[in-house]
Amino acid sequence: MLNITIKTTSNKEIIKFEFEEFITKNKSFEYKNIDETKDSPLAKQLFYLPFVKTIYISGNFIAIEKYSIVEWEDVQDEVAEQIQTYITNGGEIVIINPDDNKKIPVSIYAETTPNPNVLKFVSNTMLTKTALECKNIDETKASPLAKELFNFPFVKEVFFDENYISISKYGVKEWEEITLEIRTFIKEYIESGKTVIDESLITKTETHQKSQEEYFDKLDVTSQQIINILEEYVKPAVQADGGNIMFDSYDEKEKRVKVILQGACSGCPSSTFTLKNGIENMLKDMLKDEAIIVEAINA
């Protein structure tokens, strides 16, 4: 059975239909109207839906931008079912011509985050399936792009997840002075076909190991419940803000939940408020335990 996960994005008009496996290799596709769908029978079919404005196919997802005539909550399940039925019946998503070496344009746009020192650069291409945080140039073994970004003297930290890069800067420059320069550099780098991240080289640190299924299965029931709550209710909102949250540990005696904040969330002035008034209250309510305390070990 084909599994499709519906994910919201920071743009309320765009929603992602995510697959467990990659559906395209090293190429991304953007369709602005039905006349551009010669190589994608699925995109052509989706454009018959009157609210579809733009379709993006990349990596392991299909993202659709809609017109404002409908709300996604009213139609997203129907669209997911249509995609699932089409693929299950053997329909082709994209027809790749091996002789077509045409350069695929890359779109990069910048988004602000709650952290004034971090800007989020969003790509229309899938960059990685594994989140990667580089706090300095010595941690860029798996990402040639991150290494290049650290050549900018104002770049402090770099964080990758799915289709975006969150960049933390030093205070020597204001964002309005450097945003265009960084956006252009990232766009030209990706369009040139250079490696963004080699996921096989991502160091399997303790943090990465804790995100693996084998680690999850060994945890106590409460820890598993906490992880599920963070993944379902917290992580999508945090990712939309250019960051990431990971479970670290749960002390049953102290009722203390420790989490790791990455990207825009790390060092964000509002992170303490979010932890205490958002995540902590949510866990107390959903686990029926008012004694729970949440703290970030790297806030």
Protein backbone atom coordinates (compact mmCIF):
# COMPACT_ATOMS: atom_id res chain seq x y z
CA MET A 1 0.00 0.00 0.00
CA LEU A 2 1.39 3.40 -1.01
CA ASN A 3 1.74 5.72 1.98
CA ILE A 4 1.38 9.46 1.45
CA THR A 5 1.95 11.91 4.29
CA ILE A 6 0.32 15.32 4.07
CA LYS A 7 2.58 18.11 5.37
CA THR A 8 1.87 21.81 5.72
CA THR A 9 4.50 24.39 4.82
CA SER A 10 5.25 27.93 5.96
CA ASN A 11 3.25 29.11 2.93
CA LYS A 12 -0.42 28.45 3.72
CA GLU A 13 -1.20 28.11 0.01
CA ILE A 14 1.32 25.27 -0.48
CA ILE A 15 1.03 21.75 0.89
CA LYS A 16 3.34 18.77 0.43
CA PHE A 17 2.34 15.18 -0.31
CA GLU A 18 5.33 13.20 0.91
CA PHE A 19 6.33 9.64 0.01
CA GLU A 20 8.49 7.14 1.91
CA GLU A 21 10.79 6.77 -1.11
CA PHE A 22 12.26 9.18 -3.64
CA ILE A 23 10.04 9.63 -6.70
CA THR A 24 12.62 11.58 -8.76
CA LYS A 25 16.40 11.32 -8.89
CA ASN A 26 18.62 14.40 -8.97
CA LYS A 27 15.97 16.45 -10.76
CA SER A 28 13.14 18.72 -9.74
CA PHE A 29 10.17 19.83 -11.78
CA GLU A 30 7.91 22.85 -11.64
CA TYR A 31 4.67 23.21 -13.60
CA LYS A 32 2.80 26.51 -13.70
CA ASN A 33 0.01 25.39 -16.02
CA ILE A 34 -1.29 22.35 -17.88
CA ASP A 35 0.60 23.30 -21.07
CA GLU A 36 3.91 22.61 -19.28
CA THR A 37 3.01 19.05 -18.24
CA LYS A 38 4.15 17.17 -21.34
CA ASP A 39 6.57 15.07 -19.28
CA SER A 40 4.26 14.54 -16.29
CA PRO A 41 0.92 12.79 -16.80
CA LEU A 42 0.23 13.08 -13.06
CA ALA A 43 0.74 16.86 -13.04
CA LYS A 44 -1.52 17.12 -16.09
CA GLN A 45 -4.25 15.23 -14.26
CA LEU A 46 -3.90 17.38 -11.13
CA PHE A 47 -4.32 20.59 -13.15
CA TYR A 48 -7.88 19.53 -13.92
CA LEU A 49 -8.59 20.42 -10.30
CA PRO A 50 -9.75 24.06 -10.56
CA PHE A 51 -7.85 25.24 -7.48
CA VAL A 52 -4.38 24.02 -8.54
CA LYS A 53 -2.00 26.90 -9.35
CA THR A 54 1.51 25.39 -9.41
CA ILE A 55 2.91 21.87 -8.98
CA TYR A 56 6.41 21.01 -7.73
CA ILE A 57 7.79 17.47 -7.99
CA SER A 58 11.11 16.84 -6.27
CA GLY A 59 12.89 14.20 -4.22
CA ASN A 60 10.26 12.36 -2.20
CA PHE A 61 7.37 14.80 -2.44
CA ILE A 62 4.82 16.53 -4.62
CA ALA A 63 4.02 20.07 -3.49
CA ILE A 64 0.96 21.90 -4.76
CA GLU A 65 0.24 25.61 -4.57
CA LYS A 66 -3.46 26.43 -4.69
CA TYR A 67 -5.59 29.41 -5.54
CA SER A 68 -7.47 30.90 -2.60
CA ILE A 69 -10.88 29.67 -3.78
CA VAL A 70 -10.64 26.69 -1.39
CA GLU A 71 -8.98 25.81 1.90
CA TRP A 72 -6.54 22.90 2.03
CA GLU A 73 -8.37 21.31 4.96
CA ASP A 74 -11.38 20.83 2.69
CA VAL A 75 -9.58 19.20 -0.25
CA GLN A 76 -6.19 17.79 0.85
CA ASP A 77 -7.46 14.28 1.62
CA GLU A 78 -9.20 14.09 -1.74
CA VAL A 79 -6.03 15.17 -3.55
CA ALA A 80 -3.91 12.64 -1.62
CA GLU A 81 -6.38 9.89 -2.52
CA GLN A 82 -6.30 10.91 -6.19
CA ILE A 83 -2.48 10.79 -6.24
CA GLN A 84 -2.46 7.46 -4.42
CA THR A 85 -4.99 5.90 -6.81
CA TYR A 86 -3.12 7.18 -9.86
CA ILE A 87 0.23 5.73 -8.77
CA THR A 88 -1.27 2.47 -7.48
CA ASN A 89 -2.83 1.93 -10.91
CA GLY A 90 0.60 2.24 -12.53
CA GLY A 91 0.45 5.85 -13.66
CA GLU A 92 3.75 7.61 -14.39
CA ILE A 93 4.69 10.59 -12.24
CA VAL A 94 7.37 12.02 -14.54
CA ILE A 95 8.62 10.68 -17.86
CA ILE A 96 12.41 11.12 -17.83
CA ASN A 97 14.14 11.37 -21.20
CA PRO A 98 17.72 10.11 -20.65
CA ASP A 99 18.93 12.30 -23.50
CA ASP A 100 17.49 15.44 -21.95
CA ASN A 101 20.28 17.20 -20.13
CA LYS A 102 18.45 20.50 -19.93
CA LYS A 103 19.35 22.44 -16.84
CA ILE A 104 16.49 22.55 -14.36
CA PRO A 105 15.97 26.03 -12.92
CA VAL A 106 16.22 26.28 -9.14
CA SER A 107 14.13 28.71 -7.14
CA ILE A 108 15.42 30.01 -3.81
CA TYR A 109 13.51 32.41 -1.60
CA ALA A 110 14.29 33.78 1.85
CA GLU A 111 12.00 33.64 4.88
CA THR A 112 12.39 35.35 8.23
CA THR A 113 12.35 33.22 11.38
CA PRO A 114 11.52 34.01 15.04
CA ASN A 115 15.27 34.21 15.57
CA PRO A 116 16.46 37.61 14.24
CA ASN A 117 19.95 36.20 13.62
CA VAL A 118 18.70 33.34 11.42
CA LEU A 119 17.25 33.45 7.91
CA LYS A 120 15.67 30.48 6.14
CA PHE A 121 16.47 29.90 2.46
CA VAL A 122 13.84 27.65 0.86
CA SER A 123 14.46 25.68 -2.33
CA ASN A 124 12.03 24.12 -4.78
CA THR A 125 14.36 21.09 -4.78
CA MET A 126 14.77 18.40 -2.14
CA LEU A 127 18.12 18.93 -0.42
CA THR A 128 18.27 16.15 2.18
CA LYS A 129 16.25 13.47 3.94
CA THR A 130 18.48 13.69 7.01
CA ALA A 131 18.73 16.93 8.98
CA LEU A 132 22.29 18.22 9.26
CA GLU A 133 23.61 20.91 11.59
CA CYS A 134 27.05 22.46 11.03
CA LYS A 135 28.14 24.75 13.85
CA ASN A 136 31.51 25.45 12.24
CA ILE A 137 33.54 24.60 9.13
CA ASP A 138 35.04 21.52 10.83
CA GLU A 139 31.60 19.90 10.85
CA THR A 140 31.02 20.22 7.08
CA LYS A 141 32.47 16.88 5.96
CA ALA A 142 29.09 15.75 4.63
CA SER A 143 28.18 19.06 2.99
CA PRO A 144 30.40 20.81 0.45
CA LEU A 145 27.78 23.56 0.25
CA ALA A 146 28.00 24.25 3.99
CA LYS A 147 31.78 24.41 3.69
CA GLU A 148 31.46 27.02 0.94
CA LEU A 149 28.96 29.04 2.98
CA PHE A 150 31.40 29.26 5.89
CA ASN A 151 33.72 31.18 3.57
CA PHE A 152 31.38 34.12 4.05
CA PRO A 153 32.80 35.89 7.14
CA PHE A 154 29.34 36.63 8.54
CA VAL A 155 28.10 33.01 8.52
CA LYS A 156 28.03 31.53 12.02
CA GLU A 157 26.09 28.25 11.66
CA VAL A 158 24.33 26.31 8.89
CA PHE A 159 21.38 23.92 9.25
CA PHE A 160 19.84 21.76 6.49
CA ASP A 161 16.49 19.99 6.55
CA GLU A 162 14.37 18.71 3.66
CA ASN A 163 14.19 21.62 1.19
CA TYR A 164 15.61 24.51 3.18
CA ILE A 165 18.81 25.92 4.69
CA SER A 166 18.76 28.00 7.87
CA ILE A 167 21.78 30.27 8.18
CA SER A 168 22.82 31.92 11.42
CA LYS A 169 24.92 35.08 11.11
CA TYR A 170 27.24 37.13 13.26
CA GLY A 171 26.21 40.70 14.05
CA VAL A 172 28.77 42.26 11.71
CA LYS A 173 26.18 42.48 8.93
CA GLU A 174 22.43 43.12 8.65
CA TRP A 175 20.29 40.71 6.65
CA GLU A 176 19.25 43.36 4.13
CA GLU A 177 22.94 43.75 3.21
CA ILE A 178 23.65 40.07 2.53
CA THR A 179 20.39 38.23 1.75
CA LEU A 180 20.58 38.66 -2.02
CA GLU A 181 24.23 37.61 -2.08
CA ILE A 182 23.57 34.39 -0.16
CA ARG A 183 20.39 33.56 -2.09
CA THR A 184 22.17 33.99 -5.43
CA PHE A 185 25.14 31.90 -4.27
CA ILE A 186 22.92 29.01 -3.11
CA LYS A 187 20.84 29.10 -6.31
CA GLU A 188 23.89 29.03 -8.62
CA TYR A 189 25.57 26.33 -6.52
CA ILE A 190 22.58 23.97 -6.75
CA GLU A 191 21.96 24.71 -10.43
CA SER A 192 25.57 23.81 -11.24
CA GLY A 193 24.89 20.26 -10.09
CA LYS A 194 27.36 20.29 -7.22
CA THR A 195 26.77 18.09 -4.18
CA VAL A 196 24.73 19.79 -1.48
CA ILE A 197 24.89 16.97 1.07
CA ASP A 198 26.34 13.47 0.83
CA GLU A 199 24.04 11.71 3.26
CA SER A 200 26.34 8.67 3.39
CA LEU A 201 28.95 10.90 5.07
CA ILE A 202 26.71 12.29 7.79
CA THR A 203 28.41 11.29 11.02
CA LYS A 204 26.26 8.91 13.01
CA THR A 205 26.49 10.89 16.21
CA GLU A 206 24.52 10.07 19.34
CA THR A 207 22.01 12.71 18.27
CA HIS A 208 21.44 11.02 14.92
CA GLN A 209 21.23 7.59 16.54
CA LYS A 210 18.45 8.82 18.79
CA SER A 211 16.35 9.54 15.72
CA GLN A 212 16.55 5.95 14.52
CA GLU A 213 13.74 3.41 14.87
CA GLU A 214 15.98 0.94 16.71
CA TYR A 215 16.56 3.50 19.46
CA PHE A 216 12.83 4.29 19.68
CA ASP A 217 11.92 0.62 20.19
CA LYS A 218 14.17 0.36 23.25
CA LEU A 219 12.59 3.30 25.08
CA ASP A 220 9.98 3.21 27.82
CA VAL A 221 6.35 3.87 26.90
CA THR A 222 6.29 7.46 28.18
CA SER A 223 9.40 8.39 26.18
CA GLN A 224 7.83 6.89 23.07
CA GLN A 225 4.66 8.90 23.68
CA ILE A 226 6.70 12.09 24.07
CA ILE A 227 8.54 11.45 20.80
CA ASN A 228 5.28 10.83 18.95
CA ILE A 229 3.80 14.07 20.30
CA LEU A 230 6.90 16.06 19.32
CA GLU A 231 6.96 14.53 15.83
CA GLU A 232 3.26 15.03 15.12
CA TYR A 233 2.39 18.28 16.84
CA VAL A 234 5.61 20.23 17.43
CA LYS A 235 8.15 19.45 14.71
CA PRO A 236 6.07 20.69 11.71
CA ALA A 237 5.67 24.13 13.29
CA VAL A 238 9.32 24.26 14.31
CA GLN A 239 10.45 23.27 10.79
CA ALA A 240 8.24 25.98 9.32
CA ASP A 241 10.27 28.45 11.39
CA GLY A 242 13.56 27.11 10.03
CA GLY A 243 14.48 24.90 12.97
CA ASN A 244 14.24 21.40 14.36
CA ILE A 245 13.51 19.73 17.68
CA MET A 246 14.76 16.31 18.76
CA PHE A 247 14.03 14.21 21.83
CA ASP A 248 17.07 13.65 24.04
CA SER A 249 15.88 11.96 27.22
CA TYR A 250 13.13 11.59 29.82
CA ASP A 251 13.82 11.22 33.54
CA GLU A 252 10.84 9.44 35.07
CA LYS A 253 11.84 10.37 38.63
CA GLU A 254 12.24 14.10 37.93
CA LYS A 255 9.55 14.15 35.21
CA ARG A 256 12.10 16.07 33.13
CA VAL A 257 12.05 16.00 29.34
CA LYS A 258 15.24 17.14 27.62
CA VAL A 259 15.16 18.18 23.97
CA ILE A 260 17.71 19.38 21.42
CA LEU A 261 16.98 22.54 19.43
CA GLN A 262 18.60 23.02 16.03
CA GLY A 263 18.67 25.61 13.28
CA ALA A 264 16.73 28.80 13.90
CA CYS A 265 15.50 27.47 17.26
CA SER A 266 18.97 27.15 18.75
CA GLY A 267 19.75 30.31 20.66
CA CYS A 268 16.45 31.93 19.66
CA PRO A 269 15.28 34.55 22.20
CA SER A 270 11.76 33.13 22.10
CA SER A 271 12.79 29.48 22.53
CA THR A 272 12.39 29.51 26.32
CA PHE A 273 8.88 30.91 26.00
CA THR A 274 8.05 28.28 23.36
CA LEU A 275 9.38 25.46 25.54
CA LYS A 276 7.55 26.50 28.69
CA ASN A 277 4.29 27.89 27.34
CA GLY A 278 3.96 25.69 24.29
CA ILE A 279 5.65 22.31 24.40
CA GLU A 280 5.63 21.85 28.17
CA ASN A 281 1.94 22.69 28.49
CA MET A 282 1.12 20.41 25.56
CA LEU A 283 2.93 17.46 27.12
CA LYS A 284 1.29 18.09 30.50
CA ASP A 285 -2.12 18.09 28.87
CA MET A 286 -1.66 15.14 26.51
CA LEU A 287 0.14 12.93 29.06
CA LYS A 288 -2.12 14.00 31.94
CA ASP A 289 0.86 14.85 34.13
CA GLU A 290 1.23 18.37 35.54
CA ALA A 291 4.68 17.59 36.96
CA ILE A 292 6.41 17.41 33.55
CA ILE A 293 9.25 19.86 32.96
CA VAL A 294 10.79 20.54 29.54
CA GLU A 295 14.25 21.95 29.02
CA ALA A 296 16.54 22.37 26.04
CA ILE A 297 20.06 21.12 26.65
CA ASN A 298 21.51 23.49 24.04
CA ALA A 299 19.20 26.51 24.25
